Amino acid sequence: MTNYQHLEVEDRGAVRWLWLNRPEVRNAFNDQLISEISLAFADVETSAGVRVVVVAARGPAFCAGADLNWMRSMAGFSHADNHADALKVARMFHAVHSCSRPVIARVQGDAYGGGVGLAAACDIVIAMDKVNFGLSEVRVGIVAATISPHLVRAMGARQAARYMLTGEKFPATQARALGLVHEVTKASGLDYEVERQALVLLSASPAALAATKRLLADVVEAPMDDVLLAATAKCIADARVSPEGREGIAAFLEKRAPSWVPKK
């Protein structure tokens, strides 16, 4: 099994737990973590003994989305480099979504931006009741582009539009009402519910589960092909290198309001 820098892999029988392990930055995505998640899901596909995957996180947060220091450095790169980088992100989310095994998200802490997208890319989401979600990209001048297909699939277009446009936070109970989250539990019951759900999945035929996932992709979704992935990658690349994208990220890191926020 591959050794990772920011991802911890734990096999519990036929259930593989993938732990995001950058707690010092609230498990924010950087280039390394993105690559490791993609590699870990590729490894799942060649691991015959793995029948269920759990995506979990170390520390108090599930995932704060993109590491903005990393994104600020990317804003100085060419548009072509930004597009290639964003395409890696889109393919990482697609690797989670298209995994032939059922994928459970264990959301023990807040999830923002790409962290919401990671949960939405999973098949089943179980969240602690104190968790907050938010799609805050527009507030820093960028767009929730690469996660948008997964948000629309999970929440529906109308609800995804509201939260992608406003950037407002919403609690786990609201996330359940929206369809993003399936179960909300107390902290003491989170692992019990995740393990119970994994056990339910283990009682089903692996081949039938894989066929069901393929069927759902065929029946419910617009094709998540290279054209769609490239379009979402272009959207985020455009935003990253734009003046407002650079200003928004800089303002966030400098703990000030961006230039477009009206002065009081």
C-alpha atoms as a PDB file:
ATOM      1  CA  MET A   1       0.000   0.000   0.000  1.00  0.00           C
ATOM      2  CA  THR A   2       1.226   3.518  -0.836  1.00  0.00           C
ATOM      3  CA  ASN A   3       2.623   5.690   1.937  1.00  0.00           C
ATOM      4  CA  TYR A   4       1.048   9.138   1.973  1.00  0.00           C
ATOM      5  CA  GLN A   5       2.073  12.440   3.505  1.00  0.00           C
ATOM      6  CA  HIS A   6      -1.363  13.965   4.179  1.00  0.00           C
ATOM      7  CA  LEU A   7      -3.640  10.936   4.018  1.00  0.00           C
ATOM      8  CA  GLU A   8      -3.877   8.082   6.489  1.00  0.00           C
ATOM      9  CA  VAL A   9      -5.137   4.705   5.268  1.00  0.00           C
ATOM     10  CA  GLU A  10      -6.712   2.253   7.701  1.00  0.00           C
ATOM     11  CA  ASP A  11      -8.286  -1.081   6.781  1.00  0.00           C
ATOM     12  CA  ARG A  12     -10.940  -2.387   9.131  1.00  0.00           C
ATOM     13  CA  GLY A  13     -11.766  -5.712   7.548  1.00  0.00           C
ATOM     14  CA  ALA A  14     -13.403  -5.003   4.184  1.00  0.00           C
ATOM     15  CA  VAL A  15     -13.891  -1.294   5.004  1.00  0.00           C
ATOM     16  CA  ARG A  16     -11.101   1.096   4.030  1.00  0.00           C
ATOM     17  CA  TRP A  17     -10.931   4.317   6.030  1.00  0.00           C
ATOM     18  CA  LEU A  18      -9.191   7.251   4.341  1.00  0.00           C
ATOM     19  CA  TRP A  19      -8.325   9.945   6.875  1.00  0.00           C
ATOM     20  CA  LEU A  20      -7.529  13.489   5.729  1.00  0.00           C
ATOM     21  CA  ASN A  21      -4.552  14.335   7.918  1.00  0.00           C
ATOM     22  CA  ARG A  22      -3.697  18.043   7.722  1.00  0.00           C
ATOM     23  CA  PRO A  23      -5.404  19.116  10.947  1.00  0.00           C
ATOM     24  CA  GLU A  24      -3.074  22.108  11.384  1.00  0.00           C
ATOM     25  CA  VAL A  25      -4.758  23.752   8.348  1.00  0.00           C
ATOM     26  CA  ARG A  26      -8.225  22.254   8.909  1.00  0.00           C
ATOM     27  CA  ASN A  27      -7.499  19.569   6.293  1.00  0.00           C
ATOM     28  CA  ALA A  28      -7.443  22.125   3.489  1.00  0.00           C
ATOM     29  CA  PHE A  29      -6.587  20.836   0.029  1.00  0.00           C
ATOM     30  CA  ASN A  30      -3.170  21.451  -1.457  1.00  0.00           C
ATOM     31  CA  ASP A  31      -1.598  19.839  -4.501  1.00  0.00           C
ATOM     32  CA  GLN A  32      -0.185  16.960  -2.463  1.00  0.00           C
ATOM     33  CA  LEU A  33      -3.449  16.038  -0.718  1.00  0.00           C
ATOM     34  CA  ILE A  34      -5.375  16.240  -3.989  1.00  0.00           C
ATOM     35  CA  SER A  35      -2.929  13.850  -5.638  1.00  0.00           C
ATOM     36  CA  GLU A  36      -3.016  11.494  -2.664  1.00  0.00           C
ATOM     37  CA  ILE A  37      -6.810  11.263  -2.626  1.00  0.00           C
ATOM     38  CA  SER A  38      -6.806  10.433  -6.343  1.00  0.00           C
ATOM     39  CA  LEU A  39      -4.117   7.787  -5.824  1.00  0.00           C
ATOM     40  CA  ALA A  40      -5.933   6.312  -2.827  1.00  0.00           C
ATOM     41  CA  PHE A  41      -9.141   5.852  -4.817  1.00  0.00           C
ATOM     42  CA  ALA A  42      -7.196   4.332  -7.720  1.00  0.00           C
ATOM     43  CA  ASP A  43      -5.714   1.911  -5.178  1.00  0.00           C
ATOM     44  CA  VAL A  44      -9.211   1.015  -3.944  1.00  0.00           C
ATOM     45  CA  GLU A  45     -10.113  -0.103  -7.474  1.00  0.00           C
ATOM     46  CA  THR A  46      -7.266  -2.642  -7.464  1.00  0.00           C
ATOM     47  CA  SER A  47      -7.816  -3.845  -3.881  1.00  0.00           C
ATOM     48  CA  ALA A  48     -10.090  -6.863  -4.127  1.00  0.00           C
ATOM     49  CA  GLY A  49     -10.675  -7.064  -0.379  1.00  0.00           C
ATOM     50  CA  VAL A  50     -12.029  -3.506  -0.068  1.00  0.00           C
ATOM     51  CA  ARG A  51     -15.816  -3.355  -0.330  1.00  0.00           C
ATOM     52  CA  VAL A  52     -16.686  -0.034   1.337  1.00  0.00           C
ATOM     53  CA  VAL A  53     -14.733   3.227   1.678  1.00  0.00           C
ATOM     54  CA  VAL A  54     -15.090   5.768   4.493  1.00  0.00           C
ATOM     55  CA  VAL A  55     -13.727   9.290   4.001  1.00  0.00           C
ATOM     56  CA  ALA A  56     -12.926  10.780   7.413  1.00  0.00           C
ATOM     57  CA  ALA A  57     -10.713  13.523   8.855  1.00  0.00           C
ATOM     58  CA  ARG A  58      -8.365  14.103  11.744  1.00  0.00           C
ATOM     59  CA  GLY A  59      -8.737  17.140  13.992  1.00  0.00           C
ATOM     60  CA  PRO A  60     -11.712  19.424  14.644  1.00  0.00           C
ATOM     61  CA  ALA A  61     -12.574  20.216  10.983  1.00  0.00           C
ATOM     62  CA  PHE A  62     -13.609  17.894   8.187  1.00  0.00           C
ATOM     63  CA  CYS A  63     -12.176  20.030   5.378  1.00  0.00           C
ATOM     64  CA  ALA A  64     -11.866  23.795   4.957  1.00  0.00           C
ATOM     65  CA  GLY A  65     -11.712  23.544   1.158  1.00  0.00           C
ATOM     66  CA  ALA A  66      -8.703  24.808  -0.763  1.00  0.00           C
ATOM     67  CA  ASP A  67      -5.590  25.911   1.080  1.00  0.00           C
ATOM     68  CA  LEU A  68      -5.673  29.605   0.174  1.00  0.00           C
ATOM     69  CA  ASN A  69      -1.913  30.040   0.525  1.00  0.00           C
ATOM     70  CA  TRP A  70      -1.558  27.350  -2.134  1.00  0.00           C
ATOM     71  CA  MET A  71      -4.254  29.012  -4.262  1.00  0.00           C
ATOM     72  CA  ARG A  72      -2.560  32.413  -3.944  1.00  0.00           C
ATOM     73  CA  SER A  73       0.650  30.895  -5.303  1.00  0.00           C
ATOM     74  CA  MET A  74      -1.330  29.355  -8.170  1.00  0.00           C
ATOM     75  CA  ALA A  75      -2.840  32.738  -9.047  1.00  0.00           C
ATOM     76  CA  GLY A  76       0.644  33.849 -10.082  1.00  0.00           C
ATOM     77  CA  PHE A  77       0.952  30.963 -12.523  1.00  0.00           C
ATOM     78  CA  SER A  78      -0.205  31.037 -16.142  1.00  0.00           C
ATOM     79  CA  HIS A  79      -3.824  30.392 -17.068  1.00  0.00           C
ATOM     80  CA  ALA A  80      -2.753  27.111 -18.710  1.00  0.00           C
ATOM     81  CA  ASP A  81      -1.056  25.960 -15.491  1.00  0.00           C
ATOM     82  CA  ASN A  82      -4.116  26.958 -13.466  1.00  0.00           C
ATOM     83  CA  HIS A  83      -6.384  25.052 -15.847  1.00  0.00           C
ATOM     84  CA  ALA A  84      -4.222  21.930 -15.593  1.00  0.00           C
ATOM     85  CA  ASP A  85      -4.194  22.199 -11.813  1.00  0.00           C
ATOM     86  CA  ALA A  86      -7.971  22.719 -11.596  1.00  0.00           C
ATOM     87  CA  LEU A  87      -8.488  19.715 -13.863  1.00  0.00           C
ATOM     88  CA  LYS A  88      -6.549  17.596 -11.338  1.00  0.00           C
ATOM     89  CA  VAL A  89      -8.977  18.817  -8.663  1.00  0.00           C
ATOM     90  CA  ALA A  90     -12.005  17.999 -10.833  1.00  0.00           C
ATOM     91  CA  ARG A  91     -10.635  14.523 -11.524  1.00  0.00           C
ATOM     92  CA  MET A  92     -10.011  13.967  -7.811  1.00  0.00           C
ATOM     93  CA  PHE A  93     -13.675  14.663  -6.990  1.00  0.00           C
ATOM     94  CA  HIS A  94     -14.681  12.454  -9.925  1.00  0.00           C
ATOM     95  CA  ALA A  95     -12.489   9.624  -8.583  1.00  0.00           C
ATOM     96  CA  VAL A  96     -14.432   9.767  -5.305  1.00  0.00           C
ATOM     97  CA  HIS A  97     -17.794   9.988  -7.026  1.00  0.00           C
ATOM     98  CA  SER A  98     -17.128   7.248  -9.585  1.00  0.00           C
ATOM     99  CA  CYS A  99     -15.558   4.750  -7.162  1.00  0.00           C
ATOM    100  CA  SER A 100     -17.009   1.304  -7.819  1.00  0.00           C
ATOM    101  CA  ARG A 101     -17.390   0.775  -4.060  1.00  0.00           C
ATOM    102  CA  PRO A 102     -19.904   2.676  -1.923  1.00  0.00           C
ATOM    103  CA  VAL A 103     -18.267   5.696  -0.261  1.00  0.00           C
ATOM    104  CA  ILE A 104     -19.390   7.081   3.113  1.00  0.00           C
ATOM    105  CA  ALA A 105     -18.370  10.547   4.315  1.00  0.00           C
ATOM    106  CA  ARG A 106     -17.867  10.786   8.083  1.00  0.00           C
ATOM    107  CA  VAL A 107     -18.214  14.527   8.693  1.00  0.00           C
ATOM    108  CA  GLN A 108     -17.119  15.237  12.259  1.00  0.00           C
ATOM    109  CA  GLY A 109     -16.367  18.948  11.797  1.00  0.00           C
ATOM    110  CA  ASP A 110     -17.064  21.946   9.633  1.00  0.00           C
ATOM    111  CA  ALA A 111     -16.850  21.622   5.850  1.00  0.00           C
ATOM    112  CA  TYR A 112     -16.410  24.566   3.526  1.00  0.00           C
ATOM    113  CA  GLY A 113     -15.954  24.963  -0.221  1.00  0.00           C
ATOM    114  CA  GLY A 114     -14.207  21.900  -1.567  1.00  0.00           C
ATOM    115  CA  GLY A 115     -14.879  20.143   1.731  1.00  0.00           C
ATOM    116  CA  VAL A 116     -18.601  20.343   0.939  1.00  0.00           C
ATOM    117  CA  GLY A 117     -17.790  19.091  -2.548  1.00  0.00           C
ATOM    118  CA  LEU A 118     -15.880  16.136  -1.128  1.00  0.00           C
ATOM    119  CA  ALA A 119     -18.874  15.159   1.003  1.00  0.00           C
ATOM    120  CA  ALA A 120     -21.242  15.649  -1.951  1.00  0.00           C
ATOM    121  CA  ALA A 121     -19.074  13.384  -4.125  1.00  0.00           C
ATOM    122  CA  CYS A 122     -19.568  10.535  -1.638  1.00  0.00           C
ATOM    123  CA  ASP A 123     -22.607   8.259  -1.797  1.00  0.00           C
ATOM    124  CA  ILE A 124     -23.702   8.564   1.834  1.00  0.00           C
ATOM    125  CA  VAL A 125     -22.972  11.455   4.209  1.00  0.00           C
ATOM    126  CA  ILE A 126     -23.208  11.129   7.988  1.00  0.00           C
ATOM    127  CA  ALA A 127     -22.546  14.338   9.910  1.00  0.00           C
ATOM    128  CA  MET A 128     -22.267  15.390  13.517  1.00  0.00           C
ATOM    129  CA  ASP A 129     -25.036  17.723  14.650  1.00  0.00           C
ATOM    130  CA  LYS A 130     -22.689  20.624  15.479  1.00  0.00           C
ATOM    131  CA  VAL A 131     -21.199  20.757  11.969  1.00  0.00           C
ATOM    132  CA  ASN A 132     -21.583  23.762   9.686  1.00  0.00           C
ATOM    133  CA  PHE A 133     -21.332  23.755   5.899  1.00  0.00           C
ATOM    134  CA  GLY A 134     -20.640  26.650   3.553  1.00  0.00           C
ATOM    135  CA  LEU A 135     -19.821  27.450  -0.064  1.00  0.00           C
ATOM    136  CA  SER A 136     -17.870  30.622   0.533  1.00  0.00           C
ATOM    137  CA  GLU A 137     -15.939  30.784  -2.771  1.00  0.00           C
ATOM    138  CA  VAL A 138     -17.759  33.883  -4.080  1.00  0.00           C
ATOM    139  CA  ARG A 139     -16.701  35.794  -0.981  1.00  0.00           C
ATOM    140  CA  VAL A 140     -13.046  35.436  -1.959  1.00  0.00           C
ATOM    141  CA  GLY A 141     -13.631  36.132  -5.641  1.00  0.00           C
ATOM    142  CA  ILE A 142     -13.614  32.591  -6.995  1.00  0.00           C
ATOM    143  CA  VAL A 143     -16.240  30.050  -8.070  1.00  0.00           C
ATOM    144  CA  ALA A 144     -17.366  26.671  -6.710  1.00  0.00           C
ATOM    145  CA  ALA A 145     -16.753  25.275 -10.173  1.00  0.00           C
ATOM    146  CA  THR A 146     -15.141  21.837  -9.931  1.00  0.00           C
ATOM    147  CA  ILE A 147     -17.541  20.783  -7.157  1.00  0.00           C
ATOM    148  CA  SER A 148     -20.657  22.130  -8.882  1.00  0.00           C
ATOM    149  CA  PRO A 149     -21.705  18.858 -10.597  1.00  0.00           C
ATOM    150  CA  HIS A 150     -21.590  17.084  -7.234  1.00  0.00           C
ATOM    151  CA  LEU A 151     -23.450  19.871  -5.418  1.00  0.00           C
ATOM    152  CA  VAL A 152     -26.253  19.896  -7.992  1.00  0.00           C
ATOM    153  CA  ARG A 153     -26.489  16.111  -7.826  1.00  0.00           C
ATOM    154  CA  ALA A 154     -26.706  16.156  -4.023  1.00  0.00           C
ATOM    155  CA  MET A 155     -28.787  19.284  -3.351  1.00  0.00           C
ATOM    156  CA  GLY A 156     -30.625  20.015  -6.581  1.00  0.00           C
ATOM    157  CA  ALA A 157     -29.992  23.013  -8.804  1.00  0.00           C
ATOM    158  CA  ARG A 158     -32.183  25.516  -6.935  1.00  0.00           C
ATOM    159  CA  GLN A 159     -30.698  24.863  -3.496  1.00  0.00           C
ATOM    160  CA  ALA A 160     -27.149  24.642  -4.822  1.00  0.00           C
ATOM    161  CA  ALA A 161     -27.683  27.986  -6.563  1.00  0.00           C
ATOM    162  CA  ARG A 162     -28.718  29.691  -3.332  1.00  0.00           C
ATOM    163  CA  TYR A 163     -25.706  28.609  -1.320  1.00  0.00           C
ATOM    164  CA  MET A 164     -23.215  28.978  -4.175  1.00  0.00           C
ATOM    165  CA  LEU A 165     -24.422  32.564  -4.707  1.00  0.00           C
ATOM    166  CA  THR A 166     -24.754  33.698  -1.092  1.00  0.00           C
ATOM    167  CA  GLY A 167     -21.822  31.874   0.475  1.00  0.00           C
ATOM    168  CA  GLU A 168     -23.806  31.665   3.709  1.00  0.00           C
ATOM    169  CA  LYS A 169     -23.221  28.921   6.267  1.00  0.00           C
ATOM    170  CA  PHE A 170     -25.851  26.316   7.065  1.00  0.00           C
ATOM    171  CA  PRO A 171     -26.004  23.703   9.834  1.00  0.00           C
ATOM    172  CA  ALA A 172     -26.042  19.930   9.528  1.00  0.00           C
ATOM    173  CA  THR A 173     -29.802  19.789  10.095  1.00  0.00           C
ATOM    174  CA  GLN A 174     -30.345  22.127   7.140  1.00  0.00           C
ATOM    175  CA  ALA A 175     -27.868  20.094   5.076  1.00  0.00           C
ATOM    176  CA  ARG A 176     -30.004  17.028   5.772  1.00  0.00           C
ATOM    177  CA  ALA A 177     -33.162  18.863   4.686  1.00  0.00           C
ATOM    178  CA  LEU A 178     -31.397  19.870   1.471  1.00  0.00           C
ATOM    179  CA  GLY A 179     -30.334  16.290   0.687  1.00  0.00           C
ATOM    180  CA  LEU A 180     -26.607  16.899   1.122  1.00  0.00           C
ATOM    181  CA  VAL A 181     -26.485  14.902   4.374  1.00  0.00           C
ATOM    182  CA  HIS A 182     -28.302  11.627   5.011  1.00  0.00           C
ATOM    183  CA  GLU A 183     -27.945  11.230   8.776  1.00  0.00           C
ATOM    184  CA  VAL A 184     -27.190  13.681  11.597  1.00  0.00           C
ATOM    185  CA  THR A 185     -25.918  12.316  14.896  1.00  0.00           C
ATOM    186  CA  LYS A 186     -24.521  13.406  18.238  1.00  0.00           C
ATOM    187  CA  ALA A 187     -20.738  13.190  18.557  1.00  0.00           C
ATOM    188  CA  SER A 188     -21.060  10.066  20.673  1.00  0.00           C
ATOM    189  CA  GLY A 189     -23.047   8.281  17.981  1.00  0.00           C
ATOM    190  CA  LEU A 190     -21.104   9.293  14.872  1.00  0.00           C
ATOM    191  CA  ASP A 191     -18.827   6.270  14.604  1.00  0.00           C
ATOM    192  CA  TYR A 192     -21.639   3.917  15.539  1.00  0.00           C
ATOM    193  CA  GLU A 193     -23.759   5.248  12.660  1.00  0.00           C
ATOM    194  CA  VAL A 194     -20.870   5.127  10.162  1.00  0.00           C
ATOM    195  CA  GLU A 195     -20.025   1.553  11.132  1.00  0.00           C
ATOM    196  CA  ARG A 196     -23.700   0.547  11.087  1.00  0.00           C
ATOM    197  CA  GLN A 197     -24.082   1.935   7.575  1.00  0.00           C
ATOM    198  CA  ALA A 198     -20.900   0.181   6.435  1.00  0.00           C
ATOM    199  CA  LEU A 199     -22.221  -3.099   7.818  1.00  0.00           C
ATOM    200  CA  VAL A 200     -25.488  -2.638   5.921  1.00  0.00           C
ATOM    201  CA  LEU A 201     -23.505  -2.134   2.702  1.00  0.00           C
ATOM    202  CA  LEU A 202     -21.391  -5.223   3.390  1.00  0.00           C
ATOM    203  CA  SER A 203     -24.580  -7.285   3.430  1.00  0.00           C
ATOM    204  CA  ALA A 204     -25.171  -6.438  -0.246  1.00  0.00           C
ATOM    205  CA  SER A 205     -23.577  -8.062  -3.276  1.00  0.00           C
ATOM    206  CA  PRO A 206     -20.394  -6.172  -4.280  1.00  0.00           C
ATOM    207  CA  ALA A 207     -21.175  -6.692  -7.955  1.00  0.00           C
ATOM    208  CA  ALA A 208     -24.745  -5.465  -7.477  1.00  0.00           C
ATOM    209  CA  LEU A 209     -23.535  -2.355  -5.625  1.00  0.00           C
ATOM    210  CA  ALA A 210     -21.084  -1.526  -8.423  1.00  0.00           C
ATOM    211  CA  ALA A 211     -23.810  -2.104 -11.019  1.00  0.00           C
ATOM    212  CA  THR A 212     -26.205   0.118  -9.063  1.00  0.00           C
ATOM    213  CA  LYS A 213     -23.664   2.951  -9.021  1.00  0.00           C
ATOM    214  CA  ARG A 214     -23.184   2.625 -12.783  1.00  0.00           C
ATOM    215  CA  LEU A 215     -26.964   2.569 -13.283  1.00  0.00           C
ATOM    216  CA  LEU A 216     -27.456   5.720 -11.217  1.00  0.00           C
ATOM    217  CA  ALA A 217     -24.779   7.490 -13.242  1.00  0.00           C
ATOM    218  CA  ASP A 218     -26.513   6.484 -16.479  1.00  0.00           C
ATOM    219  CA  VAL A 219     -30.079   7.273 -15.376  1.00  0.00           C
ATOM    220  CA  VAL A 220     -29.788  10.350 -13.169  1.00  0.00           C
ATOM    221  CA  GLU A 221     -26.797  12.374 -14.242  1.00  0.00           C
ATOM    222  CA  ALA A 222     -25.520  14.408 -17.123  1.00  0.00           C
ATOM    223  CA  PRO A 223     -22.373  12.740 -18.449  1.00  0.00           C
ATOM    224  CA  MET A 224     -19.443  13.635 -16.182  1.00  0.00           C
ATOM    225  CA  ASP A 225     -17.051  13.366 -19.086  1.00  0.00           C
ATOM    226  CA  ASP A 226     -13.806  15.111 -19.982  1.00  0.00           C
ATOM    227  CA  VAL A 227     -15.741  17.974 -21.605  1.00  0.00           C
ATOM    228  CA  LEU A 228     -17.612  18.762 -18.371  1.00  0.00           C
ATOM    229  CA  LEU A 229     -14.512  18.351 -16.204  1.00  0.00           C
ATOM    230  CA  ALA A 230     -12.537  20.653 -18.492  1.00  0.00           C
ATOM    231  CA  ALA A 231     -15.321  23.263 -18.446  1.00  0.00           C
ATOM    232  CA  THR A 232     -15.411  23.350 -14.644  1.00  0.00           C
ATOM    233  CA  ALA A 233     -11.613  23.499 -14.504  1.00  0.00           C
ATOM    234  CA  LYS A 234     -11.570  26.458 -16.932  1.00  0.00           C
ATOM    235  CA  CYS A 235     -14.107  28.297 -14.793  1.00  0.00           C
ATOM    236  CA  ILE A 236     -12.032  28.060 -11.606  1.00  0.00           C
ATOM    237  CA  ALA A 237      -8.790  28.790 -13.504  1.00  0.00           C
ATOM    238  CA  ASP A 238     -10.348  31.970 -14.936  1.00  0.00           C
ATOM    239  CA  ALA A 239     -11.425  33.048 -11.444  1.00  0.00           C
ATOM    240  CA  ARG A 240      -8.076  32.309  -9.796  1.00  0.00           C
ATOM    241  CA  VAL A 241      -6.069  34.525 -12.128  1.00  0.00           C
ATOM    242  CA  SER A 242      -8.667  37.313 -12.282  1.00  0.00           C
ATOM    243  CA  PRO A 243      -8.083  40.592 -10.392  1.00  0.00           C
ATOM    244  CA  GLU A 244     -10.997  39.874  -8.046  1.00  0.00           C
ATOM    245  CA  GLY A 245      -9.817  36.309  -7.434  1.00  0.00           C
ATOM    246  CA  ARG A 246      -6.377  37.549  -6.425  1.00  0.00           C
ATOM    247  CA  GLU A 247      -7.842  40.365  -4.319  1.00  0.00           C
ATOM    248  CA  GLY A 248     -10.294  38.051  -2.541  1.00  0.00           C
ATOM    249  CA  ILE A 249      -7.693  35.472  -1.590  1.00  0.00           C
ATOM    250  CA  ALA A 250      -5.258  38.171  -0.474  1.00  0.00           C
ATOM    251  CA  ALA A 251      -7.963  39.844   1.628  1.00  0.00           C
ATOM    252  CA  PHE A 252      -8.859  36.575   3.317  1.00  0.00           C
ATOM    253  CA  LEU A 253      -5.249  35.807   4.179  1.00  0.00           C
ATOM    254  CA  GLU A 254      -4.673  39.380   5.375  1.00  0.00           C
ATOM    255  CA  LYS A 255      -7.867  39.232   7.484  1.00  0.00           C
ATOM    256  CA  ARG A 256      -9.483  42.247   5.857  1.00  0.00           C
ATOM    257  CA  ALA A 257     -12.561  42.886   3.764  1.00  0.00           C
ATOM    258  CA  PRO A 258     -12.040  42.590   0.001  1.00  0.00           C
ATOM    259  CA  SER A 259     -12.346  45.751  -2.080  1.00  0.00           C
ATOM    260  CA  TRP A 260     -15.880  44.983  -3.304  1.00  0.00           C
ATOM    261  CA  VAL A 261     -17.424  44.878   0.189  1.00  0.00           C
ATOM    262  CA  PRO A 262     -19.180  48.216   0.886  1.00  0.00           C
ATOM    263  CA  LYS A 263     -17.462  50.267   3.558  1.00  0.00           C
ATOM    264  CA  LYS A 264     -19.587  50.964   6.612  1.00  0.00           C
END
